[in-house]
Amino acid sequence: MSEHYEVVFSCFLRDDTPESVLTALRWHMGMDVDHPQELDDEVDDGQLESLLAPDDNSALPGGDVVSLRRTVQEFTTSGARHEWELFARKDWLDDSMLHLDGLLALLAPHVARSGYGGHFRDVYGTAVTVFTFRDGTYESIDDW
């Protein structure tokens, strides 16, 4: 029997995030059918499935939610400053948790703001593990 986890990503990515990273995110979110060439080895080996695509059979109240959009963060004298807003709330099976580090490593170098980046928890538990981003890296903090 598999364990279920609520996994949440909530962060902003810099506007200059490489297209290859955005393409990988769109594939993970189910927005693009063809997996990115950068992920060929992992996908062809059967090691990686799209991790953020919404599932109609989600065990989470309210279901899965995913969003990636370019938004204006502020207006400056040189014009609007944009960032990519990433929000995802997904029901993951325990097997998918093996790929969390890879997804965090994909995002970390491009995160626009240090601090909270999301969390995960067993859907039947109350203990939350938060992940934070700082200086192009990430770390997890148990029992936030």
C-alpha atoms as a PDB file:
ATOM      1  CA  MET A   1       0.000   0.000   0.000  1.00  0.00           C
ATOM      2  CA  SER A   2       1.380   3.408  -0.949  1.00  0.00           C
ATOM      3  CA  GLU A   3       1.613   6.439   1.282  1.00  0.00           C
ATOM      4  CA  HIS A   4       0.195   9.732   0.025  1.00  0.00           C
ATOM      5  CA  TYR A   5       1.881  13.107   0.521  1.00  0.00           C
ATOM      6  CA  GLU A   6       0.695  16.652   0.014  1.00  0.00           C
ATOM      7  CA  VAL A   7       3.518  18.462  -1.805  1.00  0.00           C
ATOM      8  CA  VAL A   8       3.341  22.250  -2.205  1.00  0.00           C
ATOM      9  CA  PHE A   9       5.619  24.498  -4.242  1.00  0.00           C
ATOM     10  CA  SER A  10       5.153  28.228  -3.735  1.00  0.00           C
ATOM     11  CA  CYS A  11       7.903  30.458  -5.071  1.00  0.00           C
ATOM     12  CA  PHE A  12       8.865  33.021  -7.660  1.00  0.00           C
ATOM     13  CA  LEU A  13      11.449  32.332 -10.350  1.00  0.00           C
ATOM     14  CA  ARG A  14      13.531  35.083 -11.895  1.00  0.00           C
ATOM     15  CA  ASP A  15      12.357  36.448 -15.218  1.00  0.00           C
ATOM     16  CA  ASP A  16      15.615  35.286 -16.814  1.00  0.00           C
ATOM     17  CA  THR A  17      14.961  31.643 -15.885  1.00  0.00           C
ATOM     18  CA  PRO A  18      16.261  29.588 -18.833  1.00  0.00           C
ATOM     19  CA  GLU A  19      13.664  28.341 -21.279  1.00  0.00           C
ATOM     20  CA  SER A  20      14.896  24.776 -20.689  1.00  0.00           C
ATOM     21  CA  VAL A  21      13.871  25.025 -17.004  1.00  0.00           C
ATOM     22  CA  LEU A  22      10.472  26.524 -17.887  1.00  0.00           C
ATOM     23  CA  THR A  23       9.957  23.799 -20.512  1.00  0.00           C
ATOM     24  CA  ALA A  24      10.764  21.108 -17.935  1.00  0.00           C
ATOM     25  CA  LEU A  25       8.290  22.689 -15.489  1.00  0.00           C
ATOM     26  CA  ARG A  26       5.565  22.877 -18.128  1.00  0.00           C
ATOM     27  CA  TRP A  27       6.101  19.190 -18.913  1.00  0.00           C
ATOM     28  CA  HIS A  28       5.975  18.274 -15.226  1.00  0.00           C
ATOM     29  CA  MET A  29       2.728  20.278 -14.920  1.00  0.00           C
ATOM     30  CA  GLY A  30       1.141  18.489 -17.870  1.00  0.00           C
ATOM     31  CA  MET A  31       1.099  21.652 -20.010  1.00  0.00           C
ATOM     32  CA  ASP A  32       3.397  20.136 -22.669  1.00  0.00           C
ATOM     33  CA  VAL A  33       2.911  16.604 -23.977  1.00  0.00           C
ATOM     34  CA  ASP A  34       6.456  16.027 -25.220  1.00  0.00           C
ATOM     35  CA  HIS A  35       9.044  15.692 -22.489  1.00  0.00           C
ATOM     36  CA  PRO A  36      11.997  18.075 -22.757  1.00  0.00           C
ATOM     37  CA  GLN A  37      15.166  16.802 -24.374  1.00  0.00           C
ATOM     38  CA  GLU A  38      17.108  17.592 -21.177  1.00  0.00           C
ATOM     39  CA  LEU A  39      15.047  14.955 -19.359  1.00  0.00           C
ATOM     40  CA  ASP A  40      15.371  12.258 -22.063  1.00  0.00           C
ATOM     41  CA  ASP A  41      17.643   9.943 -20.080  1.00  0.00           C
ATOM     42  CA  GLU A  42      15.474   9.962 -16.957  1.00  0.00           C
ATOM     43  CA  VAL A  43      12.189   9.590 -18.865  1.00  0.00           C
ATOM     44  CA  ASP A  44      13.400   6.877 -21.241  1.00  0.00           C
ATOM     45  CA  ASP A  45      14.729   4.840 -18.333  1.00  0.00           C
ATOM     46  CA  GLY A  46      11.261   4.926 -16.796  1.00  0.00           C
ATOM     47  CA  GLN A  47      12.631   6.834 -13.804  1.00  0.00           C
ATOM     48  CA  LEU A  48      10.623   9.992 -14.196  1.00  0.00           C
ATOM     49  CA  GLU A  49       6.983  10.781 -14.765  1.00  0.00           C
ATOM     50  CA  SER A  50       5.470  14.238 -14.793  1.00  0.00           C
ATOM     51  CA  LEU A  51       5.405  15.164 -11.111  1.00  0.00           C
ATOM     52  CA  LEU A  52       3.094  18.177 -11.086  1.00  0.00           C
ATOM     53  CA  ALA A  53       0.319  17.295 -13.540  1.00  0.00           C
ATOM     54  CA  PRO A  54      -3.072  17.516 -11.807  1.00  0.00           C
ATOM     55  CA  ASP A  55      -4.784  14.222 -11.095  1.00  0.00           C
ATOM     56  CA  ASP A  56      -8.593  14.012 -11.097  1.00  0.00           C
ATOM     57  CA  ASN A  57      -8.318  11.268  -8.461  1.00  0.00           C
ATOM     58  CA  SER A  58      -6.301  13.346  -5.992  1.00  0.00           C
ATOM     59  CA  ALA A  59      -6.689  12.403  -2.339  1.00  0.00           C
ATOM     60  CA  LEU A  60      -6.403  16.068  -1.302  1.00  0.00           C
ATOM     61  CA  PRO A  61      -9.462  18.083  -0.320  1.00  0.00           C
ATOM     62  CA  GLY A  62     -10.066  20.528  -3.153  1.00  0.00           C
ATOM     63  CA  GLY A  63      -7.903  18.492  -5.518  1.00  0.00           C
ATOM     64  CA  ASP A  64      -4.583  19.233  -7.146  1.00  0.00           C
ATOM     65  CA  VAL A  65      -3.736  22.778  -8.222  1.00  0.00           C
ATOM     66  CA  VAL A  66      -0.873  23.870 -10.485  1.00  0.00           C
ATOM     67  CA  SER A  67       0.013  27.261 -11.932  1.00  0.00           C
ATOM     68  CA  LEU A  68       2.990  28.789 -13.712  1.00  0.00           C
ATOM     69  CA  ARG A  69       2.564  32.317 -14.954  1.00  0.00           C
ATOM     70  CA  ARG A  70       4.675  35.372 -15.666  1.00  0.00           C
ATOM     71  CA  THR A  71       3.532  38.263 -13.500  1.00  0.00           C
ATOM     72  CA  VAL A  72       4.472  41.882 -12.919  1.00  0.00           C
ATOM     73  CA  GLN A  73       6.063  42.231  -9.485  1.00  0.00           C
ATOM     74  CA  GLU A  74       6.674  45.969  -9.500  1.00  0.00           C
ATOM     75  CA  PHE A  75       6.918  49.001 -11.703  1.00  0.00           C
ATOM     76  CA  THR A  76      10.257  50.785 -11.803  1.00  0.00           C
ATOM     77  CA  THR A  77      11.554  53.822 -13.644  1.00  0.00           C
ATOM     78  CA  SER A  78      12.894  51.447 -16.313  1.00  0.00           C
ATOM     79  CA  GLY A  79       9.566  49.625 -16.683  1.00  0.00           C
ATOM     80  CA  ALA A  80       7.800  46.598 -15.242  1.00  0.00           C
ATOM     81  CA  ARG A  81       9.802  43.925 -13.422  1.00  0.00           C
ATOM     82  CA  HIS A  82       8.494  40.391 -14.066  1.00  0.00           C
ATOM     83  CA  GLU A  83       8.925  37.059 -12.321  1.00  0.00           C
ATOM     84  CA  TRP A  84       7.546  33.591 -12.905  1.00  0.00           C
ATOM     85  CA  GLU A  85       5.005  32.656 -10.242  1.00  0.00           C
ATOM     86  CA  LEU A  86       5.012  28.939  -9.469  1.00  0.00           C
ATOM     87  CA  PHE A  87       2.334  27.372  -7.325  1.00  0.00           C
ATOM     88  CA  ALA A  88       1.580  23.678  -7.180  1.00  0.00           C
ATOM     89  CA  ARG A  89      -0.311  21.605  -4.617  1.00  0.00           C
ATOM     90  CA  LYS A  90      -0.220  17.924  -5.470  1.00  0.00           C
ATOM     91  CA  ASP A  91      -1.016  14.515  -4.080  1.00  0.00           C
ATOM     92  CA  TRP A  92       2.156  12.436  -4.514  1.00  0.00           C
ATOM     93  CA  LEU A  93       2.596   8.747  -3.904  1.00  0.00           C
ATOM     94  CA  ASP A  94       5.671   7.757  -1.903  1.00  0.00           C
ATOM     95  CA  ASP A  95       7.506   6.627  -5.075  1.00  0.00           C
ATOM     96  CA  SER A  96       7.352  10.189  -6.449  1.00  0.00           C
ATOM     97  CA  MET A  97       9.001  11.543  -3.306  1.00  0.00           C
ATOM     98  CA  LEU A  98      12.255  10.020  -4.582  1.00  0.00           C
ATOM     99  CA  HIS A  99      12.284  12.757  -7.247  1.00  0.00           C
ATOM    100  CA  LEU A 100      11.651  15.739  -4.947  1.00  0.00           C
ATOM    101  CA  ASP A 101      15.363  16.560  -4.637  1.00  0.00           C
ATOM    102  CA  GLY A 102      15.736  16.623  -8.415  1.00  0.00           C
ATOM    103  CA  LEU A 103      12.841  19.033  -8.837  1.00  0.00           C
ATOM    104  CA  LEU A 104      14.111  21.288  -6.037  1.00  0.00           C
ATOM    105  CA  ALA A 105      17.590  21.267  -7.615  1.00  0.00           C
ATOM    106  CA  LEU A 106      16.038  22.299 -10.949  1.00  0.00           C
ATOM    107  CA  LEU A 107      14.310  25.283  -9.329  1.00  0.00           C
ATOM    108  CA  ALA A 108      16.838  26.458  -6.723  1.00  0.00           C
ATOM    109  CA  PRO A 109      19.320  28.327  -8.957  1.00  0.00           C
ATOM    110  CA  HIS A 110      16.471  30.372 -10.456  1.00  0.00           C
ATOM    111  CA  VAL A 111      14.422  31.293  -7.373  1.00  0.00           C
ATOM    112  CA  ALA A 112      13.946  35.057  -7.147  1.00  0.00           C
ATOM    113  CA  ARG A 113      13.508  35.365  -3.380  1.00  0.00           C
ATOM    114  CA  SER A 114      15.133  33.576  -0.483  1.00  0.00           C
ATOM    115  CA  GLY A 115      12.935  31.879   2.094  1.00  0.00           C
ATOM    116  CA  TYR A 116       9.919  29.594   2.065  1.00  0.00           C
ATOM    117  CA  GLY A 117       9.553  27.583  -1.133  1.00  0.00           C
ATOM    118  CA  GLY A 118       6.953  25.035  -0.117  1.00  0.00           C
ATOM    119  CA  HIS A 119       6.442  21.978   2.035  1.00  0.00           C
ATOM    120  CA  PHE A 120       5.368  18.383   2.140  1.00  0.00           C
ATOM    121  CA  ARG A 121       3.499  16.250   4.651  1.00  0.00           C
ATOM    122  CA  ASP A 122       1.884  12.857   4.933  1.00  0.00           C
ATOM    123  CA  VAL A 123      -1.778  13.487   4.087  1.00  0.00           C
ATOM    124  CA  TYR A 124      -2.840  11.745   7.298  1.00  0.00           C
ATOM    125  CA  GLY A 125      -0.251  13.452   9.485  1.00  0.00           C
ATOM    126  CA  THR A 126       0.306  16.873  10.958  1.00  0.00           C
ATOM    127  CA  ALA A 127       4.112  17.078  10.795  1.00  0.00           C
ATOM    128  CA  VAL A 128       5.229  19.368   7.977  1.00  0.00           C
ATOM    129  CA  THR A 129       8.641  19.458   6.322  1.00  0.00           C
ATOM    130  CA  VAL A 130       9.300  22.894   4.833  1.00  0.00           C
ATOM    131  CA  PHE A 131      11.837  23.525   2.108  1.00  0.00           C
ATOM    132  CA  THR A 132      13.527  26.888   1.758  1.00  0.00           C
ATOM    133  CA  PHE A 133      15.603  28.454  -0.991  1.00  0.00           C
ATOM    134  CA  ARG A 134      18.687  30.601  -0.453  1.00  0.00           C
ATOM    135  CA  ASP A 135      21.623  31.543  -2.692  1.00  0.00           C
ATOM    136  CA  GLY A 136      20.799  29.031  -5.425  1.00  0.00           C
ATOM    137  CA  THR A 137      20.389  26.090  -3.056  1.00  0.00           C
ATOM    138  CA  TYR A 138      17.614  24.554  -0.973  1.00  0.00           C
ATOM    139  CA  GLU A 139      17.247  22.851   2.372  1.00  0.00           C
ATOM    140  CA  SER A 140      14.493  20.999   4.187  1.00  0.00           C
ATOM    141  CA  ILE A 141      13.418  21.762   7.727  1.00  0.00           C
ATOM    142  CA  ASP A 142      11.553  18.962   9.514  1.00  0.00           C
ATOM    143  CA  ASP A 143       8.636  19.607  11.856  1.00  0.00           C
ATOM    144  CA  TRP A 144       8.211  23.257  10.985  1.00  0.00           C
END
